Amino acid sequence: MHFSKEDFGTDFKWGVSTAAYQIEGAHDLDGKGQSIWDSFSQKKRNISNGDNGNIACNFYHQYDSDIALIKQLNIPNYRFSISWSRIIPNGVGEVNSKGIEYYQKVIDTCLALGIEPWVTLYHWDLPEALHKKGGWTNREVLNWFSDYVHCCIKYFGDRVKHWMVLNEPMVFTGAGYFLGVHAPGKVGLSNFLAATHHATMCQAEGGRILRSYNKGFKIGTTFSYSDIAPLRELHEKDARAAVKVDALLNRLFLEPLLGMGYPLRDLKILQKIERFMLAGDEQKLAFEMDFIGLQNYTREKVRYAPLMPFMQAKIVIANKRKVPHTLMNWEVYPTSIYNALKRLQSYPSIKEILVTENGAAFEDHVIDNEVNDTERLNYLQEHIAQVLKAQNEGVNVKGYFVWTLMDNFEWAEGFHPRFGLIHIDFATQKRTIKSSGKWYSQLLTK
């Protein structure tokens, strides 16, 4: 390792990230309503090994000791999400006082230990009651989401200063409303385009609501953003295919937010989104965020695939390319985060970038009460070094949050892929700090 915490500057934000459904458990306790992930994970064959998040890491009951572990690891910033259905069980209407009280305790525990809370408003767990009304495909979601944002500010805005509106909208719309492999399991282009437009509207509207309450709030939103490259560098059709994939995966939600509109020119199929747009919508897609959250894990290589519908492009997965990869079959390619940061910096209207997720899943084994996760430790070191390289070259990157604090429910993959700095034995709920967690703690202590 050739860097220290000081190399990044005194105002650089170091942290760790989690999401409510992935860690909390307590899926039906204390008045919580059902979310789309509660229902999706109960259906056969949706989740690997039949796993679900009913208990997960039991953070709902162990938040105080888990936040104490964050303090023990010297991590000064904690990003977590609020479960919409825990505070408003039906998505709209009556507020659940016990849900409000729980998040107030989480926030107060952080503040008492000197840990800054960073709240993600929406990390994929839409209330099931709203899904039954069409969820993100129903334009009414703009009103539902606005009411939810107002509720969060009302109860938490006196103590929370850092906010993120959406987590990776491309993933929850693409996997949830086009491919059907994530909740709520919908498929088809029409579902996807409707959900995409409404989520893009909510992304900006959430920012406007936050700003209207408090000019001092630090407001952002997060994007999954991979380095996309053609499989064959000098192959013209592969190059065109890579541009299409980049427009879909990296630019679809970002560019409307920046006032550039949807990237219709580079991906013609997106022109069909216009049937979901009303007069004045294009202006409402834009909002000036204080920061953009970059969530980068890998790079993707793309080849021309004439038989692939809509795209004529196909991502060639890492093991097919015989390159080093994680348990998720994502290529280990540290330069990806550098390239992504440089690309974001090229948008003049982006004020500041924070890496709000970066991490890796590998096979972890507890031996003599220790987890020696060398591969993850190397992954983190190499990626943080690339963040520093980008910063040294003038990229205004102001923070780095590891995904994730502890092993958790990894959506459709269940409990098998472990991303945590802390190992969880899901049978006993025992926590074991991994070598990577100890290293991160040492980095932040110096």
Protein backbone atom coordinates (compact mmCIF):
# COMPACT_ATOMS: atom_id res chain seq x y z
CA MET A 1 0.00 0.00 0.00
CA HIS A 2 1.42 3.35 -1.06
CA PHE A 3 -1.06 5.76 0.50
CA SER A 4 -2.32 7.02 3.83
CA LYS A 5 -5.55 8.68 4.93
CA GLU A 6 -3.78 12.06 4.94
CA ASP A 7 -3.03 11.78 1.20
CA PHE A 8 -6.74 12.32 0.46
CA GLY A 9 -7.11 15.56 2.42
CA THR A 10 -8.72 16.40 5.73
CA ASP A 11 -12.22 16.91 4.24
CA PHE A 12 -12.35 13.47 2.57
CA LYS A 13 -15.27 11.36 3.86
CA TRP A 14 -14.42 7.76 4.80
CA GLY A 15 -17.31 5.44 5.46
CA VAL A 16 -19.17 2.19 5.05
CA SER A 17 -22.55 1.45 3.44
CA THR A 18 -25.52 -0.87 4.11
CA ALA A 19 -29.17 -1.20 3.03
CA ALA A 20 -32.24 -1.82 5.18
CA TYR A 21 -33.65 -5.03 3.64
CA GLN A 22 -30.20 -6.60 3.41
CA ILE A 23 -29.41 -6.34 7.13
CA GLU A 24 -32.39 -5.45 9.32
CA GLY A 25 -34.57 -8.57 9.48
CA ALA A 26 -37.65 -8.04 11.68
CA HIS A 27 -39.61 -8.21 8.45
CA ASP A 28 -43.05 -8.20 10.09
CA LEU A 29 -42.41 -6.79 13.57
CA ASP A 30 -43.59 -3.60 15.24
CA GLY A 31 -46.10 -2.60 12.59
CA LYS A 32 -43.83 -2.90 9.55
CA GLY A 33 -45.68 -3.39 6.26
CA GLN A 34 -44.59 -5.85 3.59
CA SER A 35 -42.13 -4.67 0.95
CA ILE A 36 -41.68 -6.03 -2.58
CA TRP A 37 -38.56 -7.85 -1.38
CA ASP A 38 -40.48 -9.49 1.45
CA SER A 39 -42.96 -10.93 -1.04
CA PHE A 40 -40.47 -11.61 -3.87
CA SER A 41 -38.13 -13.61 -1.63
CA GLN A 42 -40.98 -15.84 -0.42
CA LYS A 43 -41.65 -17.16 -3.92
CA LYS A 44 -39.87 -20.33 -4.99
CA ARG A 45 -36.82 -20.10 -7.22
CA ASN A 46 -36.51 -16.29 -6.98
CA ILE A 47 -33.55 -16.36 -4.55
CA SER A 48 -30.54 -18.70 -4.50
CA ASN A 49 -30.91 -21.51 -1.94
CA GLY A 50 -34.41 -20.28 -1.07
CA ASP A 51 -32.90 -17.55 1.14
CA ASN A 52 -34.81 -14.48 2.33
CA GLY A 53 -34.22 -11.37 4.42
CA ASN A 54 -36.72 -12.18 7.18
CA ILE A 55 -33.90 -12.21 9.75
CA ALA A 56 -30.81 -11.30 7.66
CA CYS A 57 -28.20 -9.82 10.04
CA ASN A 58 -30.79 -9.07 12.73
CA PHE A 59 -29.58 -5.46 12.71
CA TYR A 60 -33.04 -4.34 13.87
CA HIS A 61 -32.31 -5.90 17.26
CA GLN A 62 -28.53 -5.47 17.26
CA TYR A 63 -28.15 -1.97 15.82
CA ASP A 64 -26.54 -0.60 18.97
CA SER A 65 -23.77 -3.22 19.14
CA ASP A 66 -23.29 -3.11 15.34
CA ILE A 67 -22.91 0.68 15.35
CA ALA A 68 -20.47 0.23 18.25
CA LEU A 69 -18.46 -2.01 15.88
CA ILE A 70 -18.41 0.82 13.32
CA LYS A 71 -16.98 3.02 16.06
CA GLN A 72 -14.48 0.31 17.03
CA LEU A 73 -13.32 0.21 13.39
CA ASN A 74 -12.75 4.02 13.47
CA ILE A 75 -15.20 4.54 10.61
CA PRO A 76 -16.54 8.11 10.87
CA ASN A 77 -19.44 7.96 8.37
CA TYR A 78 -22.24 5.40 8.11
CA ARG A 79 -24.53 5.20 5.09
CA PHE A 80 -27.76 3.25 5.62
CA SER A 81 -31.23 3.24 4.10
CA ILE A 82 -34.69 3.72 5.53
CA SER A 83 -37.29 1.04 4.86
CA TRP A 84 -40.30 2.86 3.39
CA SER A 85 -42.69 0.12 4.56
CA ARG A 86 -41.31 0.22 8.09
CA ILE A 87 -42.27 3.86 8.57
CA ILE A 88 -45.35 3.97 6.26
CA PRO A 89 -46.64 0.36 6.18
CA ASN A 90 -49.03 0.89 3.24
CA GLY A 91 -46.68 3.22 1.38
CA VAL A 92 -49.06 6.15 1.87
CA GLY A 93 -51.22 7.31 4.74
CA GLU A 94 -50.72 6.30 8.33
CA VAL A 95 -47.21 6.55 9.78
CA ASN A 96 -45.88 3.71 11.97
CA SER A 97 -44.59 5.31 15.18
CA LYS A 98 -42.47 2.27 16.10
CA GLY A 99 -40.72 2.41 12.72
CA ILE A 100 -39.99 6.11 13.21
CA GLU A 101 -38.73 5.44 16.73
CA TYR A 102 -36.39 2.69 15.46
CA TYR A 103 -34.66 4.94 12.91
CA GLN A 104 -34.45 7.76 15.43
CA LYS A 105 -32.60 5.37 17.76
CA VAL A 106 -30.25 4.31 14.95
CA ILE A 107 -29.49 7.96 14.13
CA ASP A 108 -29.09 8.94 17.79
CA THR A 109 -26.76 6.00 18.44
CA CYS A 110 -24.58 7.08 15.52
CA LEU A 111 -24.44 10.68 16.69
CA ALA A 112 -23.70 9.69 20.29
CA LEU A 113 -20.64 7.77 19.05
CA GLY A 114 -19.45 10.57 16.75
CA ILE A 115 -20.52 8.76 13.57
CA GLU A 116 -22.16 10.87 10.87
CA PRO A 117 -25.39 9.29 9.50
CA TRP A 118 -25.86 9.35 5.69
CA VAL A 119 -29.40 8.33 4.76
CA THR A 120 -30.43 6.68 1.50
CA LEU A 121 -34.14 7.31 1.04
CA TYR A 122 -34.83 4.48 -1.41
CA HIS A 123 -32.73 1.32 -1.58
CA TRP A 124 -35.13 -0.92 -3.55
CA ASP A 125 -37.70 -2.00 -0.93
CA LEU A 126 -40.92 -0.45 -2.26
CA PRO A 127 -43.99 -1.13 -0.09
CA GLU A 128 -45.91 -4.10 -1.49
CA ALA A 129 -49.17 -2.14 -1.18
CA LEU A 130 -47.83 0.36 -3.74
CA HIS A 131 -46.65 -2.41 -6.05
CA LYS A 132 -50.24 -3.66 -6.16
CA LYS A 133 -51.16 -0.23 -7.56
CA GLY A 134 -48.45 -0.48 -10.26
CA GLY A 135 -45.41 0.56 -8.24
CA TRP A 136 -42.83 2.46 -10.27
CA THR A 137 -44.87 1.95 -13.46
CA ASN A 138 -47.68 4.12 -12.05
CA ARG A 139 -47.14 7.87 -12.40
CA GLU A 140 -48.80 8.27 -9.00
CA VAL A 141 -45.47 7.11 -7.54
CA LEU A 142 -44.34 10.75 -7.84
CA ASN A 143 -46.91 11.69 -5.19
CA TRP A 144 -46.28 8.60 -3.06
CA PHE A 145 -42.53 9.17 -3.09
CA SER A 146 -42.88 12.90 -2.37
CA ASP A 147 -45.02 12.16 0.68
CA TYR A 148 -42.44 9.61 1.86
CA VAL A 149 -39.58 12.12 1.48
CA HIS A 150 -41.54 14.74 3.43
CA CYS A 151 -42.12 12.16 6.18
CA CYS A 152 -38.40 11.29 6.43
CA ILE A 153 -37.42 14.95 6.66
CA LYS A 154 -40.10 15.65 9.26
CA TYR A 155 -38.87 12.95 11.63
CA PHE A 156 -35.13 12.75 10.85
CA GLY A 157 -34.18 16.06 9.20
CA ASP A 158 -33.21 17.74 12.47
CA ARG A 159 -30.32 15.28 12.89
CA VAL A 160 -29.50 13.95 9.40
CA LYS A 161 -27.59 16.38 7.19
CA HIS A 162 -26.44 14.02 4.39
CA TRP A 163 -29.06 12.50 2.07
CA MET A 164 -29.09 10.26 -1.00
CA VAL A 165 -32.33 10.09 -2.95
CA LEU A 166 -32.15 6.81 -4.90
CA ASN A 167 -29.80 3.85 -4.87
CA GLU A 168 -28.80 2.64 -8.34
CA PRO A 169 -32.04 3.32 -10.24
CA MET A 170 -30.76 1.48 -13.31
CA VAL A 171 -30.53 -1.72 -11.27
CA PHE A 172 -33.92 -1.62 -9.58
CA THR A 173 -35.70 -0.68 -12.82
CA GLY A 174 -33.68 -2.96 -15.12
CA ALA A 175 -33.54 -6.03 -12.88
CA GLY A 176 -36.98 -5.45 -11.32
CA TYR A 177 -39.11 -4.24 -14.23
CA PHE A 178 -37.37 -5.50 -17.40
CA LEU A 179 -35.54 -8.74 -16.60
CA GLY A 180 -37.70 -9.73 -13.64
CA VAL A 181 -34.78 -11.17 -11.66
CA HIS A 182 -35.20 -8.68 -8.77
CA ALA A 183 -38.34 -7.56 -6.96
CA PRO A 184 -41.05 -7.06 -8.02
CA GLY A 185 -40.28 -9.54 -10.82
CA LYS A 186 -41.90 -7.62 -13.68
CA VAL A 187 -40.69 -8.04 -17.26
CA GLY A 188 -40.93 -6.19 -20.54
CA LEU A 189 -39.84 -2.99 -22.23
CA SER A 190 -43.01 -1.06 -21.43
CA ASN A 191 -42.75 -1.76 -17.68
CA PHE A 192 -39.08 -0.79 -17.75
CA LEU A 193 -39.53 2.49 -19.60
CA ALA A 194 -42.45 3.58 -17.41
CA ALA A 195 -40.52 2.72 -14.23
CA THR A 196 -37.42 4.46 -15.60
CA HIS A 197 -39.20 7.73 -16.35
CA HIS A 198 -41.01 7.84 -13.03
CA ALA A 199 -37.86 7.00 -11.06
CA THR A 200 -35.95 9.71 -12.93
CA MET A 201 -38.69 12.20 -12.05
CA CYS A 202 -38.58 11.13 -8.38
CA GLN A 203 -34.78 11.39 -8.35
CA ALA A 204 -34.97 15.12 -9.09
CA GLU A 205 -38.16 15.78 -7.10
CA GLY A 206 -36.63 14.18 -4.00
CA GLY A 207 -33.70 16.57 -4.32
CA ARG A 208 -36.01 19.57 -4.68
CA ILE A 209 -38.02 18.60 -1.59
CA LEU A 210 -34.87 18.16 0.50
CA ARG A 211 -33.48 21.50 -0.67
CA SER A 212 -36.76 23.29 0.05
CA TYR A 213 -36.59 22.16 3.69
CA ASN A 214 -33.00 23.00 4.43
CA LYS A 215 -30.44 24.78 2.27
CA GLY A 216 -27.75 23.26 4.51
CA PHE A 217 -28.57 19.64 3.62
CA LYS A 218 -25.89 17.84 1.59
CA ILE A 219 -27.95 16.15 -1.13
CA GLY A 220 -26.91 13.50 -3.62
CA THR A 221 -28.04 10.34 -5.37
CA THR A 222 -26.15 7.19 -6.36
CA PHE A 223 -25.48 5.42 -9.65
CA SER A 224 -24.10 2.03 -10.53
CA TYR A 225 -21.37 2.93 -13.01
CA SER A 226 -19.04 0.45 -14.67
CA ASP A 227 -16.17 0.99 -17.06
CA ILE A 228 -17.62 -0.22 -20.39
CA ALA A 229 -15.27 -1.24 -23.22
CA PRO A 230 -15.58 -3.13 -26.52
CA LEU A 231 -14.44 -6.75 -26.39
CA ARG A 232 -12.31 -6.25 -29.51
CA GLU A 233 -10.79 -2.80 -29.33
CA LEU A 234 -10.52 -2.14 -33.07
CA HIS A 235 -13.82 -3.80 -33.96
CA GLU A 236 -16.26 -1.09 -35.11
CA LYS A 237 -19.44 -3.06 -34.33
CA ASP A 238 -18.18 -3.96 -30.85
CA ALA A 239 -17.39 -0.28 -30.28
CA ARG A 240 -20.94 0.73 -31.28
CA ALA A 241 -22.36 -2.00 -29.05
CA ALA A 242 -20.31 -0.68 -26.12
CA VAL A 243 -21.72 2.82 -26.64
CA LYS A 244 -25.26 1.42 -26.43
CA VAL A 245 -24.52 -0.48 -23.23
CA ASP A 246 -22.87 2.60 -21.73
CA ALA A 247 -25.93 4.70 -22.59
CA LEU A 248 -28.20 2.17 -20.89
CA LEU A 249 -26.17 1.23 -17.80
CA ASN A 250 -24.25 4.43 -17.03
CA ARG A 251 -26.02 7.40 -18.59
CA LEU A 252 -29.77 6.69 -18.60
CA PHE A 253 -30.48 8.25 -15.19
CA LEU A 254 -27.43 10.50 -14.86
CA GLU A 255 -27.80 12.67 -17.95
CA PRO A 256 -31.46 13.66 -17.42
CA LEU A 257 -30.52 14.70 -13.87
CA LEU A 258 -27.81 16.94 -15.35
CA GLY A 259 -30.30 18.60 -17.70
CA MET A 260 -29.12 16.73 -20.80
CA GLY A 261 -32.24 14.61 -21.33
CA TYR A 262 -32.27 10.88 -21.96
CA PRO A 263 -29.44 9.50 -24.18
CA LEU A 264 -31.87 8.75 -27.03
CA ARG A 265 -29.35 9.32 -29.81
CA ASP A 266 -27.07 6.51 -28.69
CA LEU A 267 -29.85 4.05 -27.85
CA LYS A 268 -32.78 4.46 -30.22
CA ILE A 269 -35.11 2.09 -28.34
CA LEU A 270 -35.25 4.66 -25.53
CA GLN A 271 -37.29 6.95 -27.78
CA LYS A 272 -40.31 4.88 -26.73
CA ILE A 273 -39.99 6.46 -23.26
CA GLU A 274 -41.61 9.59 -24.69
CA ARG A 275 -45.04 7.97 -24.49
CA PHE A 276 -44.77 8.14 -20.69
CA MET A 277 -43.75 11.81 -20.67
CA LEU A 278 -46.10 14.73 -20.15
CA ALA A 279 -45.54 18.36 -21.13
CA GLY A 280 -42.92 19.93 -18.88
CA ASP A 281 -41.47 16.62 -17.69
CA GLU A 282 -38.08 17.10 -19.36
CA GLN A 283 -37.35 20.18 -17.26
CA LYS A 284 -38.45 18.38 -14.10
CA LEU A 285 -35.92 15.59 -14.67
CA ALA A 286 -33.07 17.95 -13.80
CA PHE A 287 -31.81 18.94 -10.36
CA GLU A 288 -28.42 20.24 -9.21
CA MET A 289 -27.19 17.71 -6.67
CA ASP A 290 -24.44 18.63 -4.22
CA PHE A 291 -22.71 15.36 -5.07
CA ILE A 292 -23.02 12.28 -7.25
CA GLY A 293 -22.52 8.89 -5.61
CA LEU A 294 -20.42 6.54 -7.75
CA GLN A 295 -20.94 2.81 -7.15
CA ASN A 296 -18.29 0.90 -9.02
CA TYR A 297 -17.26 -2.72 -8.78
CA THR A 298 -15.94 -3.84 -12.16
CA ARG A 299 -15.62 -3.22 -15.87
CA GLU A 300 -17.72 -4.79 -18.60
CA LYS A 301 -16.55 -5.95 -22.02
CA VAL A 302 -19.16 -5.80 -24.76
CA ARG A 303 -19.44 -7.54 -28.13
CA TYR A 304 -21.76 -6.98 -31.06
CA ALA A 305 -24.62 -9.50 -30.88
CA PRO A 306 -27.07 -9.07 -33.78
CA LEU A 307 -29.66 -11.46 -32.31
CA MET A 308 -29.97 -9.66 -28.96
CA PRO A 309 -33.28 -7.77 -28.89
CA PHE A 310 -33.25 -3.95 -28.58
CA MET A 311 -29.48 -3.67 -28.07
CA GLN A 312 -27.64 -5.92 -30.56
CA ALA A 313 -25.04 -6.02 -27.80
CA LYS A 314 -23.97 -8.56 -25.22
CA ILE A 315 -21.80 -8.32 -22.11
CA VAL A 316 -19.16 -11.05 -22.08
CA ILE A 317 -18.85 -12.17 -18.47
CA ALA A 318 -15.52 -12.39 -16.69
CA ASN A 319 -15.03 -16.16 -16.50
CA LYS A 320 -15.69 -16.46 -20.24
CA ARG A 321 -12.82 -14.02 -20.75
CA LYS A 322 -10.61 -15.97 -18.32
CA VAL A 323 -9.76 -12.92 -16.24
CA PRO A 324 -9.53 -12.65 -12.40
CA HIS A 325 -13.02 -12.32 -10.95
CA THR A 326 -15.01 -12.23 -7.74
CA LEU A 327 -17.70 -14.63 -6.52
CA MET A 328 -20.21 -12.49 -8.45
CA ASN A 329 -18.25 -13.25 -11.64
CA TRP A 330 -17.24 -9.60 -11.85
CA GLU A 331 -13.78 -8.89 -13.22
CA VAL A 332 -11.23 -7.58 -10.71
CA TYR A 333 -10.03 -4.51 -12.59
CA PRO A 334 -9.04 -1.63 -10.29
CA THR A 335 -8.55 0.80 -13.19
CA SER A 336 -12.33 0.65 -13.67
CA ILE A 337 -12.95 2.98 -10.73
CA TYR A 338 -10.33 5.43 -12.00
CA ASN A 339 -11.90 5.44 -15.48
CA ALA A 340 -15.39 5.90 -14.02
CA LEU A 341 -14.25 8.85 -11.89
CA LYS A 342 -12.59 10.48 -14.89
CA ARG A 343 -15.75 10.04 -16.94
CA LEU A 344 -17.94 11.62 -14.26
CA GLN A 345 -15.50 14.50 -13.89
CA SER A 346 -15.96 15.20 -17.62
CA TYR A 347 -19.52 16.41 -16.92
CA PRO A 348 -19.05 20.09 -16.03
CA SER A 349 -22.25 20.29 -13.95
CA ILE A 350 -21.18 17.58 -11.49
CA LYS A 351 -19.94 19.50 -8.45
CA GLU A 352 -18.51 16.69 -6.37
CA ILE A 353 -18.20 12.89 -6.50
CA LEU A 354 -18.24 10.42 -3.64
CA VAL A 355 -17.57 6.73 -4.07
CA THR A 356 -20.63 5.51 -2.16
CA GLU A 357 -20.05 1.79 -2.84
CA ASN A 358 -17.02 -0.28 -3.75
CA GLY A 359 -16.18 -3.78 -2.58
CA ALA A 360 -15.96 -7.44 -3.52
CA ALA A 361 -17.37 -10.87 -2.68
CA PHE A 362 -14.97 -13.77 -2.17
CA GLU A 363 -15.07 -17.10 -0.37
CA ASP A 364 -14.49 -16.40 3.32
CA HIS A 365 -13.68 -18.97 5.99
CA VAL A 366 -13.54 -18.56 9.76
CA ILE A 367 -10.45 -20.34 11.09
CA ASP A 368 -9.58 -19.98 14.79
CA ASN A 369 -11.97 -17.03 15.08
CA GLU A 370 -10.25 -15.17 12.25
CA VAL A 371 -11.14 -14.46 8.62
CA ASN A 372 -8.03 -13.87 6.57
CA ASP A 373 -9.65 -12.37 3.44
CA THR A 374 -6.51 -11.43 1.53
CA GLU A 375 -8.28 -11.13 -1.83
CA ARG A 376 -10.75 -8.54 -0.52
CA LEU A 377 -8.02 -6.64 1.30
CA ASN A 378 -6.00 -6.44 -1.94
CA TYR A 379 -9.10 -5.43 -3.89
CA LEU A 380 -9.82 -2.53 -1.51
CA GLN A 381 -6.21 -1.35 -1.44
CA GLU A 382 -5.91 -1.38 -5.22
CA HIS A 383 -9.20 0.42 -5.77
CA ILE A 384 -8.55 3.08 -3.13
CA ALA A 385 -5.15 3.67 -4.77
CA GLN A 386 -6.97 4.33 -8.06
CA VAL A 387 -9.29 6.80 -6.31
CA LEU A 388 -6.23 8.66 -5.05
CA LYS A 389 -4.71 8.64 -8.55
CA ALA A 390 -7.90 10.22 -9.94
CA GLN A 391 -7.96 12.81 -7.14
CA ASN A 392 -4.32 13.69 -7.79
CA GLU A 393 -5.22 14.29 -11.44
CA GLY A 394 -7.88 16.84 -10.51
CA VAL A 395 -11.02 14.72 -10.09
CA ASN A 396 -13.13 16.26 -7.32
CA VAL A 397 -13.70 13.01 -5.45
CA LYS A 398 -14.45 13.70 -1.80
CA GLY A 399 -15.27 10.37 -0.20
CA TYR A 400 -15.04 6.59 -0.23
CA PHE A 401 -17.55 4.18 1.36
CA VAL A 402 -16.88 0.44 1.42
CA TRP A 403 -19.66 -1.94 0.42
CA THR A 404 -20.33 -3.29 2.95
CA LEU A 405 -20.10 -3.21 6.74
CA MET A 406 -21.03 -6.87 7.17
CA ASP A 407 -22.02 -9.91 5.14
CA ASN A 408 -25.71 -9.69 4.32
CA PHE A 409 -28.59 -10.75 2.10
CA GLU A 410 -27.26 -10.08 -1.40
CA TRP A 411 -30.61 -9.84 -3.19
CA ALA A 412 -31.24 -12.66 -5.71
CA GLU A 413 -27.92 -14.30 -4.77
CA GLY A 414 -29.02 -14.80 -1.16
CA PHE A 415 -26.41 -15.22 1.57
CA HIS A 416 -23.64 -16.92 -0.41
CA PRO A 417 -21.74 -13.86 -1.73
CA ARG A 418 -20.04 -12.18 1.21
CA PHE A 419 -19.01 -8.53 0.76
CA GLY A 420 -18.58 -7.53 4.40
CA LEU A 421 -15.69 -6.16 6.42
CA ILE A 422 -17.32 -8.18 9.19
CA HIS A 423 -18.17 -11.88 8.80
CA ILE A 424 -21.65 -12.97 9.91
CA ASP A 425 -22.45 -16.52 10.94
CA PHE A 426 -26.12 -16.43 9.91
CA ALA A 427 -26.97 -19.41 12.13
CA THR A 428 -25.67 -17.82 15.34
CA GLN A 429 -25.42 -14.10 14.31
CA LYS A 430 -21.81 -14.08 15.55
CA ARG A 431 -19.76 -11.17 14.19
CA THR A 432 -16.07 -11.63 13.29
CA ILE A 433 -14.03 -8.69 12.00
CA LYS A 434 -12.13 -9.80 8.88
CA SER A 435 -8.56 -8.89 7.99
CA SER A 436 -9.95 -6.35 5.51
CA GLY A 437 -11.95 -4.71 8.31
CA LYS A 438 -8.86 -4.53 10.52
CA TRP A 439 -6.85 -3.03 7.68
CA TYR A 440 -9.53 -0.41 6.92
CA SER A 441 -9.63 0.47 10.61
CA GLN A 442 -5.83 0.93 10.67
CA LEU A 443 -6.00 3.13 7.57
CA LEU A 444 -8.54 5.39 9.27
CA THR A 445 -6.65 5.48 12.57
CA LYS A 446 -3.41 6.85 11.16
